[in-house]
Structures are given as C-alpha cells and as structure tokens.
Amino acid sequence: MEYCLSVGLSFETAATALKRLYEQEPEFANAASERRFMLWWDSQERSLSLVEFDLERAIASLKSGQPVIPLWLDRIYKQLNSKVKGVE
C-alpha cells in the first residue's frame, strides 16, 4: 500500500490495485514471488489496469503520454525487508 501511495495513487486506487494484485498473485507478499506487473492506462476502460509487465507496452504507453506504474514484487519485497530490518 505504501508503495502505491508513494507513486501518487489515491487511497482508493491503491486499494483497488492491491485487491487485483492479490487476485492475480495470492502469494504476492512471499519473498519467492518475482513476478512483475504494471498498472497501465487502459484507454477503453478509462482506468488503470493491472497487467503483466511488458517493456514494449510500457514504452508505447509512456510515449503516448499515458501513465505506467511498475509493481515489481521482488523489488517491493526487498524494500519492505530492508525497512523491517531497520526497525529491529
């Protein structure tokens, strides 16, 4: 949640993204999960959609001025792990 909020998503949008992430990857908080997703602007739905990360699709979206927010579970887990270690 913190990551989603830190990239500028509203609380509602961040909560929806996490719900979709949990539906697609129930073990997303597991350190072994290395799947990479992105929140990508779906112009037909007129909303952010959670899809598997695709570099070409991300670049095309950015070139057209649309947002792309990476959700790389391995990196998010590393950030969480380092924060937890810093608290101990």
N, C-alpha and C. Protein backbone atom coordinates (compact mmCIF):
# COMPACT_ATOMS: atom_id res chain seq x y z
N MET A 1 0.83 -1.18 0.00
CA MET A 1 0.00 0.00 0.00
C MET A 1 0.88 1.25 0.00
N GLU A 2 1.91 1.23 0.85
CA GLU A 2 2.78 2.40 0.94
C GLU A 2 3.41 2.73 -0.41
N TYR A 3 3.86 1.71 -1.12
CA TYR A 3 4.47 1.94 -2.44
C TYR A 3 3.46 2.60 -3.38
N CYS A 4 2.25 2.07 -3.43
CA CYS A 4 1.23 2.63 -4.32
C CYS A 4 0.92 4.08 -3.98
N LEU A 5 0.84 4.37 -2.70
CA LEU A 5 0.58 5.75 -2.28
C LEU A 5 1.78 6.65 -2.60
N SER A 6 2.99 6.09 -2.47
CA SER A 6 4.19 6.90 -2.71
C SER A 6 4.37 7.30 -4.17
N VAL A 7 3.75 6.55 -5.09
CA VAL A 7 3.85 6.91 -6.50
C VAL A 7 2.70 7.82 -6.93
N GLY A 8 1.88 8.24 -5.97
CA GLY A 8 0.86 9.23 -6.25
C GLY A 8 -0.56 8.72 -6.44
N LEU A 9 -0.78 7.44 -6.19
CA LEU A 9 -2.14 6.92 -6.32
C LEU A 9 -2.98 7.35 -5.13
N SER A 10 -4.26 7.54 -5.37
CA SER A 10 -5.17 7.82 -4.26
C SER A 10 -5.33 6.55 -3.43
N PHE A 11 -5.84 6.69 -2.22
CA PHE A 11 -6.03 5.53 -1.37
C PHE A 11 -6.96 4.52 -2.03
N GLU A 12 -8.03 5.00 -2.62
CA GLU A 12 -9.00 4.12 -3.28
C GLU A 12 -8.36 3.35 -4.44
N THR A 13 -7.60 4.05 -5.27
CA THR A 13 -6.94 3.41 -6.41
C THR A 13 -5.89 2.42 -5.94
N ALA A 14 -5.14 2.78 -4.91
CA ALA A 14 -4.12 1.88 -4.36
C ALA A 14 -4.77 0.62 -3.79
N ALA A 15 -5.87 0.77 -3.08
CA ALA A 15 -6.57 -0.38 -2.51
C ALA A 15 -7.10 -1.29 -3.62
N THR A 16 -7.63 -0.71 -4.67
CA THR A 16 -8.12 -1.50 -5.80
C THR A 16 -6.98 -2.24 -6.48
N ALA A 17 -5.85 -1.57 -6.65
CA ALA A 17 -4.68 -2.20 -7.27
C ALA A 17 -4.20 -3.39 -6.43
N LEU A 18 -4.16 -3.21 -5.12
CA LEU A 18 -3.73 -4.32 -4.25
C LEU A 18 -4.72 -5.47 -4.27
N LYS A 19 -5.99 -5.17 -4.37
CA LYS A 19 -7.00 -6.22 -4.46
C LYS A 19 -6.81 -7.02 -5.74
N ARG A 20 -6.59 -6.32 -6.85
CA ARG A 20 -6.36 -7.01 -8.13
C ARG A 20 -5.06 -7.81 -8.09
N LEU A 21 -4.05 -7.25 -7.45
CA LEU A 21 -2.77 -7.95 -7.33
C LEU A 21 -2.96 -9.24 -6.54
N TYR A 22 -3.71 -9.17 -5.45
CA TYR A 22 -3.97 -10.37 -4.64
C TYR A 22 -4.75 -11.42 -5.44
N GLU A 23 -5.68 -10.97 -6.28
CA GLU A 23 -6.45 -11.90 -7.10
C GLU A 23 -5.56 -12.62 -8.11
N GLN A 24 -4.60 -11.90 -8.69
CA GLN A 24 -3.71 -12.49 -9.69
C GLN A 24 -2.54 -13.24 -9.08
N GLU A 25 -2.08 -12.79 -7.92
CA GLU A 25 -0.90 -13.37 -7.28
C GLU A 25 -1.14 -13.43 -5.78
N PRO A 26 -1.89 -14.46 -5.31
CA PRO A 26 -2.22 -14.53 -3.88
C PRO A 26 -1.00 -14.55 -2.96
N GLU A 27 0.12 -15.01 -3.46
CA GLU A 27 1.35 -15.07 -2.65
C GLU A 27 2.25 -13.87 -2.91
N PHE A 28 1.66 -12.72 -3.23
CA PHE A 28 2.49 -11.58 -3.63
C PHE A 28 3.41 -11.09 -2.51
N ALA A 29 3.10 -11.38 -1.27
CA ALA A 29 3.96 -10.94 -0.17
C ALA A 29 5.07 -11.95 0.13
N ASN A 30 5.07 -13.05 -0.58
CA ASN A 30 6.09 -14.08 -0.39
C ASN A 30 7.39 -13.63 -1.05
N ALA A 31 8.48 -13.80 -0.34
CA ALA A 31 9.79 -13.38 -0.86
C ALA A 31 10.17 -14.09 -2.15
N ALA A 32 9.64 -15.28 -2.36
CA ALA A 32 9.98 -16.05 -3.56
C ALA A 32 9.26 -15.54 -4.80
N SER A 33 8.25 -14.72 -4.63
CA SER A 33 7.49 -14.21 -5.77
C SER A 33 8.30 -13.15 -6.50
N GLU A 34 8.60 -13.43 -7.75
CA GLU A 34 9.39 -12.49 -8.54
C GLU A 34 8.63 -11.98 -9.76
N ARG A 35 7.32 -12.16 -9.74
CA ARG A 35 6.53 -11.69 -10.88
C ARG A 35 6.56 -10.17 -10.93
N ARG A 36 6.43 -9.67 -12.13
CA ARG A 36 6.44 -8.22 -12.33
C ARG A 36 5.17 -7.81 -13.06
N PHE A 37 4.53 -6.83 -12.49
CA PHE A 37 3.29 -6.30 -13.03
C PHE A 37 3.47 -4.81 -13.30
N MET A 38 2.45 -4.24 -13.91
CA MET A 38 2.41 -2.79 -14.06
C MET A 38 0.96 -2.34 -14.05
N LEU A 39 0.76 -1.17 -13.52
CA LEU A 39 -0.53 -0.51 -13.66
C LEU A 39 -0.43 0.30 -14.93
N TRP A 40 -1.29 0.00 -15.85
CA TRP A 40 -1.22 0.54 -17.20
C TRP A 40 -2.56 1.18 -17.53
N TRP A 41 -2.54 2.33 -18.17
CA TRP A 41 -3.77 3.03 -18.51
C TRP A 41 -4.46 2.31 -19.66
N ASP A 42 -5.64 1.79 -19.38
CA ASP A 42 -6.45 1.13 -20.40
C ASP A 42 -7.43 2.17 -20.93
N SER A 43 -7.18 2.63 -22.15
CA SER A 43 -8.00 3.71 -22.70
C SER A 43 -9.44 3.28 -22.98
N GLN A 44 -9.66 2.00 -23.22
CA GLN A 44 -11.03 1.52 -23.45
C GLN A 44 -11.82 1.52 -22.14
N GLU A 45 -11.19 1.06 -21.06
CA GLU A 45 -11.84 1.02 -19.76
C GLU A 45 -11.78 2.38 -19.05
N ARG A 46 -10.86 3.22 -19.52
CA ARG A 46 -10.61 4.53 -18.93
C ARG A 46 -10.25 4.41 -17.45
N SER A 47 -9.34 3.46 -17.18
CA SER A 47 -8.87 3.26 -15.82
C SER A 47 -7.53 2.54 -15.86
N LEU A 48 -6.87 2.50 -14.71
CA LEU A 48 -5.62 1.75 -14.61
C LEU A 48 -5.95 0.27 -14.51
N SER A 49 -5.22 -0.53 -15.27
CA SER A 49 -5.40 -1.98 -15.25
C SER A 49 -4.10 -2.62 -14.79
N LEU A 50 -4.22 -3.70 -14.04
CA LEU A 50 -3.06 -4.45 -13.59
C LEU A 50 -2.78 -5.54 -14.62
N VAL A 51 -1.61 -5.48 -15.23
CA VAL A 51 -1.22 -6.45 -16.25
C VAL A 51 0.22 -6.89 -15.99
N GLU A 52 0.60 -8.02 -16.59
CA GLU A 52 2.00 -8.46 -16.52
C GLU A 52 2.87 -7.37 -17.14
N PHE A 53 4.04 -7.15 -16.55
CA PHE A 53 4.93 -6.12 -17.07
C PHE A 53 5.41 -6.51 -18.47
N ASP A 54 5.29 -5.57 -19.38
CA ASP A 54 5.73 -5.74 -20.76
C ASP A 54 6.45 -4.46 -21.15
N LEU A 55 7.75 -4.55 -21.34
CA LEU A 55 8.57 -3.37 -21.59
C LEU A 55 8.10 -2.59 -22.82
N GLU A 56 7.82 -3.29 -23.92
CA GLU A 56 7.39 -2.60 -25.14
C GLU A 56 6.06 -1.88 -24.93
N ARG A 57 5.16 -2.54 -24.24
CA ARG A 57 3.85 -1.94 -23.96
C ARG A 57 4.01 -0.72 -23.05
N ALA A 58 4.90 -0.84 -22.07
CA ALA A 58 5.15 0.28 -21.15
C ALA A 58 5.73 1.48 -21.90
N ILE A 59 6.70 1.22 -22.76
CA ILE A 59 7.32 2.30 -23.53
C ILE A 59 6.30 2.97 -24.45
N ALA A 60 5.49 2.16 -25.12
CA ALA A 60 4.47 2.72 -26.02
C ALA A 60 3.48 3.58 -25.24
N SER A 61 3.11 3.12 -24.06
CA SER A 61 2.18 3.88 -23.24
C SER A 61 2.80 5.20 -22.80
N LEU A 62 4.05 5.15 -22.37
CA LEU A 62 4.73 6.38 -21.95
C LEU A 62 4.90 7.35 -23.11
N LYS A 63 5.23 6.82 -24.29
CA LYS A 63 5.39 7.68 -25.47
C LYS A 63 4.09 8.39 -25.84
N SER A 64 2.97 7.74 -25.54
CA SER A 64 1.68 8.37 -25.85
C SER A 64 1.18 9.23 -24.69
N GLY A 65 2.01 9.38 -23.66
CA GLY A 65 1.66 10.26 -22.55
C GLY A 65 0.78 9.62 -21.49
N GLN A 66 0.68 8.31 -21.52
CA GLN A 66 -0.16 7.60 -20.55
C GLN A 66 0.70 7.06 -19.41
N PRO A 67 0.13 6.96 -18.22
CA PRO A 67 0.91 6.51 -17.06
C PRO A 67 1.18 5.00 -17.07
N VAL A 68 2.32 4.65 -16.53
CA VAL A 68 2.70 3.26 -16.28
C VAL A 68 3.34 3.23 -14.91
N ILE A 69 2.84 2.37 -14.04
CA ILE A 69 3.41 2.26 -12.70
C ILE A 69 3.86 0.83 -12.50
N PRO A 70 5.17 0.61 -12.39
CA PRO A 70 5.66 -0.76 -12.21
C PRO A 70 5.35 -1.28 -10.81
N LEU A 71 4.95 -2.53 -10.75
CA LEU A 71 4.75 -3.24 -9.48
C LEU A 71 5.59 -4.50 -9.55
N TRP A 72 6.85 -4.35 -9.27
CA TRP A 72 7.78 -5.47 -9.34
C TRP A 72 7.88 -6.05 -7.94
N LEU A 73 7.28 -7.20 -7.75
CA LEU A 73 7.15 -7.78 -6.42
C LEU A 73 8.49 -8.03 -5.75
N ASP A 74 9.50 -8.43 -6.52
CA ASP A 74 10.81 -8.68 -5.93
C ASP A 74 11.40 -7.40 -5.34
N ARG A 75 11.25 -6.30 -6.03
CA ARG A 75 11.81 -5.03 -5.53
C ARG A 75 11.00 -4.49 -4.35
N ILE A 76 9.69 -4.62 -4.42
CA ILE A 76 8.85 -4.17 -3.31
C ILE A 76 9.17 -4.98 -2.06
N TYR A 77 9.35 -6.29 -2.23
CA TYR A 77 9.68 -7.14 -1.09
C TYR A 77 11.03 -6.72 -0.49
N LYS A 78 12.01 -6.43 -1.33
CA LYS A 78 13.32 -6.01 -0.82
C LYS A 78 13.20 -4.71 -0.03
N GLN A 79 12.38 -3.78 -0.51
CA GLN A 79 12.19 -2.52 0.21
C GLN A 79 11.55 -2.79 1.58
N LEU A 80 10.52 -3.64 1.59
CA LEU A 80 9.86 -3.96 2.85
C LEU A 80 10.82 -4.66 3.81
N ASN A 81 11.59 -5.57 3.29
CA ASN A 81 12.54 -6.32 4.11
C ASN A 81 13.58 -5.39 4.72
N SER A 82 14.08 -4.45 3.95
CA SER A 82 15.09 -3.54 4.49
C SER A 82 14.49 -2.61 5.55
N LYS A 83 13.22 -2.23 5.39
CA LYS A 83 12.57 -1.39 6.40
C LYS A 83 12.35 -2.17 7.69
N VAL A 84 11.96 -3.44 7.56
CA VAL A 84 11.74 -4.26 8.75
C VAL A 84 13.06 -4.47 9.49
N LYS A 85 14.13 -4.72 8.75
CA LYS A 85 15.44 -4.90 9.38
C LYS A 85 15.90 -3.62 10.06
N GLY A 86 15.54 -2.48 9.48
CA GLY A 86 15.92 -1.20 10.07
C GLY A 86 15.19 -0.91 11.37
N VAL A 87 14.01 -1.50 11.54
CA VAL A 87 13.21 -1.28 12.74
C VAL A 87 13.69 -2.14 13.89
N GLU A 88 14.20 -3.31 13.58
CA GLU A 88 14.63 -4.25 14.63
C GLU A 88 15.82 -3.75 15.39
